[in-house]
Amino acid sequence: MTKLTDYVKTAEAAEILGVSQNTLRKWAEAGKIPMRRNPANGYRLFKRSDLEQFLKKLDQPTSNKRPK
């Protein structure tokens, strides 16, 4: 069962990812990172495990390296 403690608000999520809050909001609206809304107040919520997965994707090397 998911608990509210499994989620963080925009400011903390942005700090975890190392980006601005506005960047995180844009990524969420574009569907690049999953976002939920708190039903009580409408705040954006980001699941900690989703943030970890997102960081792991960024850490993977790409095979489309440009020649020097």
PDB file of N, CA and C in Angstrom:
ATOM      1  N   MET A   1       0.840  -1.186   0.000  1.00  0.00           N
ATOM      2  CA  MET A   1       0.000   0.000   0.000  1.00  0.00           C
ATOM      3  C   MET A   1       0.882   1.245   0.000  1.00  0.00           C
ATOM      4  N   THR A   2       0.535   2.201  -0.818  1.00  0.00           N
ATOM      5  CA  THR A   2       1.283   3.448  -0.918  1.00  0.00           C
ATOM      6  C   THR A   2       0.896   4.369   0.227  1.00  0.00           C
ATOM      7  N   LYS A   3       1.902   5.026   0.795  1.00  0.00           N
ATOM      8  CA  LYS A   3       1.688   5.971   1.889  1.00  0.00           C
ATOM      9  C   LYS A   3       2.032   7.366   1.411  1.00  0.00           C
ATOM     10  N   LEU A   4       1.471   8.344   2.067  1.00  0.00           N
ATOM     11  CA  LEU A   4       1.756   9.734   1.715  1.00  0.00           C
ATOM     12  C   LEU A   4       3.239  10.044   1.902  1.00  0.00           C
ATOM     13  N   THR A   5       3.910   9.329   2.795  1.00  0.00           N
ATOM     14  CA  THR A   5       5.349   9.553   3.007  1.00  0.00           C
ATOM     15  C   THR A   5       6.183   9.058   1.827  1.00  0.00           C
ATOM     16  N   ASP A   6       5.575   8.300   0.911  1.00  0.00           N
ATOM     17  CA  ASP A   6       6.271   7.853  -0.298  1.00  0.00           C
ATOM     18  C   ASP A   6       6.361   8.975  -1.338  1.00  0.00           C
ATOM     19  N   TYR A   7       5.714  10.101  -1.068  1.00  0.00           N
ATOM     20  CA  TYR A   7       5.641  11.209  -2.011  1.00  0.00           C
ATOM     21  C   TYR A   7       6.329  12.451  -1.458  1.00  0.00           C
ATOM     22  N   VAL A   8       6.814  13.281  -2.380  1.00  0.00           N
ATOM     23  CA  VAL A   8       7.382  14.577  -2.000  1.00  0.00           C
ATOM     24  C   VAL A   8       6.723  15.662  -2.846  1.00  0.00           C
ATOM     25  N   LYS A   9       6.746  16.886  -2.298  1.00  0.00           N
ATOM     26  CA  LYS A   9       6.194  18.019  -3.035  1.00  0.00           C
ATOM     27  C   LYS A   9       7.226  18.533  -4.037  1.00  0.00           C
ATOM     28  N   THR A  10       6.827  19.467  -4.829  1.00  0.00           N
ATOM     29  CA  THR A  10       7.637  19.982  -5.928  1.00  0.00           C
ATOM     30  C   THR A  10       9.016  20.456  -5.479  1.00  0.00           C
ATOM     31  N   ALA A  11       9.096  21.213  -4.407  1.00  0.00           N
ATOM     32  CA  ALA A  11      10.392  21.774  -3.974  1.00  0.00           C
ATOM     33  C   ALA A  11      11.391  20.669  -3.638  1.00  0.00           C
ATOM     34  N   GLU A  12      10.940  19.664  -2.898  1.00  0.00           N
ATOM     35  CA  GLU A  12      11.852  18.590  -2.520  1.00  0.00           C
ATOM     36  C   GLU A  12      12.226  17.728  -3.723  1.00  0.00           C
ATOM     37  N   ALA A  13      11.257  17.470  -4.596  1.00  0.00           N
ATOM     38  CA  ALA A  13      11.526  16.671  -5.796  1.00  0.00           C
ATOM     39  C   ALA A  13      12.541  17.383  -6.691  1.00  0.00           C
ATOM     40  N   ALA A  14      12.391  18.688  -6.854  1.00  0.00           N
ATOM     41  CA  ALA A  14      13.326  19.459  -7.669  1.00  0.00           C
ATOM     42  C   ALA A  14      14.730  19.415  -7.071  1.00  0.00           C
ATOM     43  N   GLU A  15      14.820  19.470  -5.753  1.00  0.00           N
ATOM     44  CA  GLU A  15      16.119  19.394  -5.094  1.00  0.00           C
ATOM     45  C   GLU A  15      16.757  18.019  -5.298  1.00  0.00           C
ATOM     46  N   ILE A  16      15.966  16.967  -5.204  1.00  0.00           N
ATOM     47  CA  ILE A  16      16.469  15.608  -5.420  1.00  0.00           C
ATOM     48  C   ILE A  16      17.038  15.466  -6.828  1.00  0.00           C
ATOM     49  N   LEU A  17      16.336  16.032  -7.819  1.00  0.00           N
ATOM     50  CA  LEU A  17      16.765  15.918  -9.213  1.00  0.00           C
ATOM     51  C   LEU A  17      17.823  16.956  -9.597  1.00  0.00           C
ATOM     52  N   GLY A  18      17.977  17.989  -8.787  1.00  0.00           N
ATOM     53  CA  GLY A  18      18.969  19.019  -9.088  1.00  0.00           C
ATOM     54  C   GLY A  18      18.524  19.977 -10.176  1.00  0.00           C
ATOM     55  N   VAL A  19      17.222  20.235 -10.242  1.00  0.00           N
ATOM     56  CA  VAL A  19      16.682  21.163 -11.240  1.00  0.00           C
ATOM     57  C   VAL A  19      15.794  22.179 -10.527  1.00  0.00           C
ATOM     58  N   SER A  20      15.386  23.209 -11.259  1.00  0.00           N
ATOM     59  CA  SER A  20      14.494  24.200 -10.667  1.00  0.00           C
ATOM     60  C   SER A  20      13.074  23.639 -10.588  1.00  0.00           C
ATOM     61  N   GLN A  21      12.281  24.248  -9.745  1.00  0.00           N
ATOM     62  CA  GLN A  21      10.888  23.826  -9.610  1.00  0.00           C
ATOM     63  C   GLN A  21      10.129  24.025 -10.925  1.00  0.00           C
ATOM     64  N   ASN A  22      10.428  25.111 -11.635  1.00  0.00           N
ATOM     65  CA  ASN A  22       9.756  25.351 -12.905  1.00  0.00           C
ATOM     66  C   ASN A  22      10.098  24.277 -13.935  1.00  0.00           C
ATOM     67  N   THR A  23      11.356  23.847 -13.970  1.00  0.00           N
ATOM     68  CA  THR A  23      11.760  22.777 -14.885  1.00  0.00           C
ATOM     69  C   THR A  23      11.006  21.501 -14.555  1.00  0.00           C
ATOM     70  N   LEU A  24      10.926  21.169 -13.272  1.00  0.00           N
ATOM     71  CA  LEU A  24      10.217  19.968 -12.853  1.00  0.00           C
ATOM     72  C   LEU A  24       8.743  20.040 -13.239  1.00  0.00           C
ATOM     73  N   ARG A  25       8.128  21.193 -13.055  1.00  0.00           N
ATOM     74  CA  ARG A  25       6.714  21.350 -13.446  1.00  0.00           C
ATOM     75  C   ARG A  25       6.535  21.128 -14.947  1.00  0.00           C
ATOM     76  N   LYS A  26       7.449  21.680 -15.741  1.00  0.00           N
ATOM     77  CA  LYS A  26       7.369  21.509 -17.199  1.00  0.00           C
ATOM     78  C   LYS A  26       7.543  20.049 -17.580  1.00  0.00           C
ATOM     79  N   TRP A  27       8.504  19.355 -16.969  1.00  0.00           N
ATOM     80  CA  TRP A  27       8.710  17.934 -17.248  1.00  0.00           C
ATOM     81  C   TRP A  27       7.473  17.120 -16.891  1.00  0.00           C
ATOM     82  N   ALA A  28       6.854  17.458 -15.772  1.00  0.00           N
ATOM     83  CA  ALA A  28       5.655  16.728 -15.339  1.00  0.00           C
ATOM     84  C   ALA A  28       4.497  16.967 -16.312  1.00  0.00           C
ATOM     85  N   GLU A  29       4.320  18.199 -16.722  1.00  0.00           N
ATOM     86  CA  GLU A  29       3.234  18.513 -17.673  1.00  0.00           C
ATOM     87  C   GLU A  29       3.475  17.848 -19.026  1.00  0.00           C
ATOM     88  N   ALA A  30       4.751  17.689 -19.408  1.00  0.00           N
ATOM     89  CA  ALA A  30       5.095  17.050 -20.681  1.00  0.00           C
ATOM     90  C   ALA A  30       5.060  15.523 -20.586  1.00  0.00           C
ATOM     91  N   GLY A  31       4.857  15.003 -19.373  1.00  0.00           N
ATOM     92  CA  GLY A  31       4.790  13.564 -19.192  1.00  0.00           C
ATOM     93  C   GLY A  31       6.147  12.890 -19.064  1.00  0.00           C
ATOM     94  N   LYS A  32       7.196  13.667 -18.885  1.00  0.00           N
ATOM     95  CA  LYS A  32       8.536  13.087 -18.767  1.00  0.00           C
ATOM     96  C   LYS A  32       8.762  12.437 -17.409  1.00  0.00           C
ATOM     97  N   ILE A  33       8.015  12.879 -16.415  1.00  0.00           N
ATOM     98  CA  ILE A  33       8.115  12.316 -15.077  1.00  0.00           C
ATOM     99  C   ILE A  33       6.702  12.251 -14.482  1.00  0.00           C
ATOM    100  N   PRO A  34       6.339  11.111 -13.894  1.00  0.00           N
ATOM    101  CA  PRO A  34       4.973  10.977 -13.356  1.00  0.00           C
ATOM    102  C   PRO A  34       4.702  11.943 -12.205  1.00  0.00           C
ATOM    103  N   MET A  35       3.483  12.447 -12.190  1.00  0.00           N
ATOM    104  CA  MET A  35       3.065  13.376 -11.147  1.00  0.00           C
ATOM    105  C   MET A  35       1.650  13.019 -10.728  1.00  0.00           C
ATOM    106  N   ARG A  36       1.368  13.196  -9.465  1.00  0.00           N
ATOM    107  CA  ARG A  36       0.013  13.025  -8.972  1.00  0.00           C
ATOM    108  C   ARG A  36      -0.391  14.310  -8.275  1.00  0.00           C
ATOM    109  N   ARG A  37      -1.667  14.443  -7.990  1.00  0.00           N
ATOM    110  CA  ARG A  37      -2.157  15.605  -7.255  1.00  0.00           C
ATOM    111  C   ARG A  37      -2.715  15.136  -5.921  1.00  0.00           C
ATOM    112  N   ASN A  38      -2.413  15.894  -4.869  1.00  0.00           N
ATOM    113  CA  ASN A  38      -2.987  15.612  -3.568  1.00  0.00           C
ATOM    114  C   ASN A  38      -4.476  15.942  -3.647  1.00  0.00           C
ATOM    115  N   PRO A  39      -5.344  14.973  -3.376  1.00  0.00           N
ATOM    116  CA  PRO A  39      -6.781  15.237  -3.510  1.00  0.00           C
ATOM    117  C   PRO A  39      -7.298  16.268  -2.515  1.00  0.00           C
ATOM    118  N   ALA A  40      -6.605  16.464  -1.405  1.00  0.00           N
ATOM    119  CA  ALA A  40      -7.066  17.404  -0.388  1.00  0.00           C
ATOM    120  C   ALA A  40      -6.763  18.859  -0.752  1.00  0.00           C
ATOM    121  N   ASN A  41      -5.590  19.105  -1.381  1.00  0.00           N
ATOM    122  CA  ASN A  41      -5.205  20.500  -1.634  1.00  0.00           C
ATOM    123  C   ASN A  41      -4.743  20.779  -3.058  1.00  0.00           C
ATOM    124  N   GLY A  42      -4.627  19.749  -3.895  1.00  0.00           N
ATOM    125  CA  GLY A  42      -4.246  19.949  -5.288  1.00  0.00           C
ATOM    126  C   GLY A  42      -2.758  20.094  -5.536  1.00  0.00           C
ATOM    127  N   TYR A  43      -1.922  20.001  -4.493  1.00  0.00           N
ATOM    128  CA  TYR A  43      -0.477  20.115  -4.681  1.00  0.00           C
ATOM    129  C   TYR A  43       0.049  18.990  -5.563  1.00  0.00           C
ATOM    130  N   ARG A  44       1.073  19.313  -6.338  1.00  0.00           N
ATOM    131  CA  ARG A  44       1.741  18.271  -7.124  1.00  0.00           C
ATOM    132  C   ARG A  44       2.526  17.377  -6.173  1.00  0.00           C
ATOM    133  N   LEU A  45       2.469  16.078  -6.425  1.00  0.00           N
ATOM    134  CA  LEU A  45       3.213  15.117  -5.628  1.00  0.00           C
ATOM    135  C   LEU A  45       4.006  14.210  -6.547  1.00  0.00           C
ATOM    136  N   PHE A  46       5.230  13.923  -6.149  1.00  0.00           N
ATOM    137  CA  PHE A  46       6.107  13.059  -6.927  1.00  0.00           C
ATOM    138  C   PHE A  46       6.520  11.890  -6.056  1.00  0.00           C
ATOM    139  N   LYS A  47       6.359  10.694  -6.583  1.00  0.00           N
ATOM    140  CA  LYS A  47       6.715   9.492  -5.841  1.00  0.00           C
ATOM    141  C   LYS A  47       8.234   9.348  -5.838  1.00  0.00           C
ATOM    142  N   ARG A  48       8.795   9.086  -4.664  1.00  0.00           N
ATOM    143  CA  ARG A  48      10.250   8.973  -4.533  1.00  0.00           C
ATOM    144  C   ARG A  48      10.825   7.925  -5.490  1.00  0.00           C
ATOM    145  N   SER A  49      10.142   6.793  -5.632  1.00  0.00           N
ATOM    146  CA  SER A  49      10.641   5.732  -6.513  1.00  0.00           C
ATOM    147  C   SER A  49      10.644   6.178  -7.979  1.00  0.00           C
ATOM    148  N   ASP A  50       9.684   7.024  -8.376  1.00  0.00           N
ATOM    149  CA  ASP A  50       9.676   7.562  -9.746  1.00  0.00           C
ATOM    150  C   ASP A  50      10.871   8.475  -9.975  1.00  0.00           C
ATOM    151  N   LEU A  51      11.221   9.256  -8.968  1.00  0.00           N
ATOM    152  CA  LEU A  51      12.376  10.146  -9.081  1.00  0.00           C
ATOM    153  C   LEU A  51      13.662   9.334  -9.210  1.00  0.00           C
ATOM    154  N   GLU A  52      13.764   8.258  -8.419  1.00  0.00           N
ATOM    155  CA  GLU A  52      14.947   7.401  -8.492  1.00  0.00           C
ATOM    156  C   GLU A  52      15.074   6.751  -9.865  1.00  0.00           C
ATOM    157  N   GLN A  53      13.955   6.281 -10.410  1.00  0.00           N
ATOM    158  CA  GLN A  53      13.968   5.681 -11.757  1.00  0.00           C
ATOM    159  C   GLN A  53      14.394   6.701 -12.794  1.00  0.00           C
ATOM    160  N   PHE A  54      13.893   7.911 -12.684  1.00  0.00           N
ATOM    161  CA  PHE A  54      14.230   8.970 -13.624  1.00  0.00           C
ATOM    162  C   PHE A  54      15.732   9.243 -13.593  1.00  0.00           C
ATOM    163  N   LEU A  55      16.312   9.302 -12.395  1.00  0.00           N
ATOM    164  CA  LEU A  55      17.750   9.535 -12.269  1.00  0.00           C
ATOM    165  C   LEU A  55      18.551   8.376 -12.851  1.00  0.00           C
ATOM    166  N   LYS A  56      18.072   7.163 -12.686  1.00  0.00           N
ATOM    167  CA  LYS A  56      18.772   6.000 -13.245  1.00  0.00           C
ATOM    168  C   LYS A  56      18.791   6.065 -14.767  1.00  0.00           C
ATOM    169  N   LYS A  57      17.683   6.514 -15.360  1.00  0.00           N
ATOM    170  CA  LYS A  57      17.621   6.659 -16.824  1.00  0.00           C
ATOM    171  C   LYS A  57      18.653   7.672 -17.309  1.00  0.00           C
ATOM    172  N   LEU A  58      18.804   8.761 -16.565  1.00  0.00           N
ATOM    173  CA  LEU A  58      19.775   9.795 -16.942  1.00  0.00           C
ATOM    174  C   LEU A  58      21.203   9.288 -16.825  1.00  0.00           C
ATOM    175  N   ASP A  59      21.417   8.341 -15.931  1.00  0.00           N
ATOM    176  CA  ASP A  59      22.760   7.832 -15.673  1.00  0.00           C
ATOM    177  C   ASP A  59      23.213   6.802 -16.711  1.00  0.00           C
ATOM    178  N   GLN A  60      22.276   6.304 -17.537  1.00  0.00           N
ATOM    179  CA  GLN A  60      22.625   5.305 -18.536  1.00  0.00           C
ATOM    180  C   GLN A  60      23.308   5.966 -19.729  1.00  0.00           C
ATOM    181  N   PRO A  61      24.412   5.382 -20.192  1.00  0.00           N
ATOM    182  CA  PRO A  61      25.090   5.960 -21.356  1.00  0.00           C
ATOM    183  C   PRO A  61      24.254   5.789 -22.615  1.00  0.00           C
ATOM    184  N   THR A  62      24.404   6.724 -23.517  1.00  0.00           N
ATOM    185  CA  THR A  62      23.694   6.633 -24.795  1.00  0.00           C
ATOM    186  C   THR A  62      24.625   6.052 -25.849  1.00  0.00           C
ATOM    187  N   SER A  63      24.054   5.396 -26.828  1.00  0.00           N
ATOM    188  CA  SER A  63      24.870   4.799 -27.894  1.00  0.00           C
ATOM    189  C   SER A  63      25.013   5.748 -29.090  1.00  0.00           C
ATOM    190  N   ASN A  64      24.398   6.909 -28.996  1.00  0.00           N
ATOM    191  CA  ASN A  64      24.443   7.877 -30.105  1.00  0.00           C
ATOM    192  C   ASN A  64      25.543   8.906 -29.874  1.00  0.00           C
ATOM    193  N   LYS A  65      26.734   8.459 -29.630  1.00  0.00           N
ATOM    194  CA  LYS A  65      27.842   9.384 -29.411  1.00  0.00           C
ATOM    195  C   LYS A  65      28.322   9.944 -30.745  1.00  0.00           C
ATOM    196  N   ARG A  66      28.591  11.221 -30.740  1.00  0.00           N
ATOM    197  CA  ARG A  66      29.070  11.888 -31.948  1.00  0.00           C
ATOM    198  C   ARG A  66      30.560  11.660 -32.090  1.00  0.00           C
ATOM    199  N   PRO A  67      31.025  11.460 -33.296  1.00  0.00           N
ATOM    200  CA  PRO A  67      32.471  11.325 -33.508  1.00  0.00           C
ATOM    201  C   PRO A  67      33.168  12.662 -33.282  1.00  0.00           C
ATOM    202  N   LYS A  68      34.402  12.613 -32.808  1.00  0.00           N
ATOM    203  CA  LYS A  68      35.157  13.849 -32.547  1.00  0.00           C
ATOM    204  C   LYS A  68      35.845  14.349 -33.785  1.00  0.00           C
TER     205      LYS A  68
END
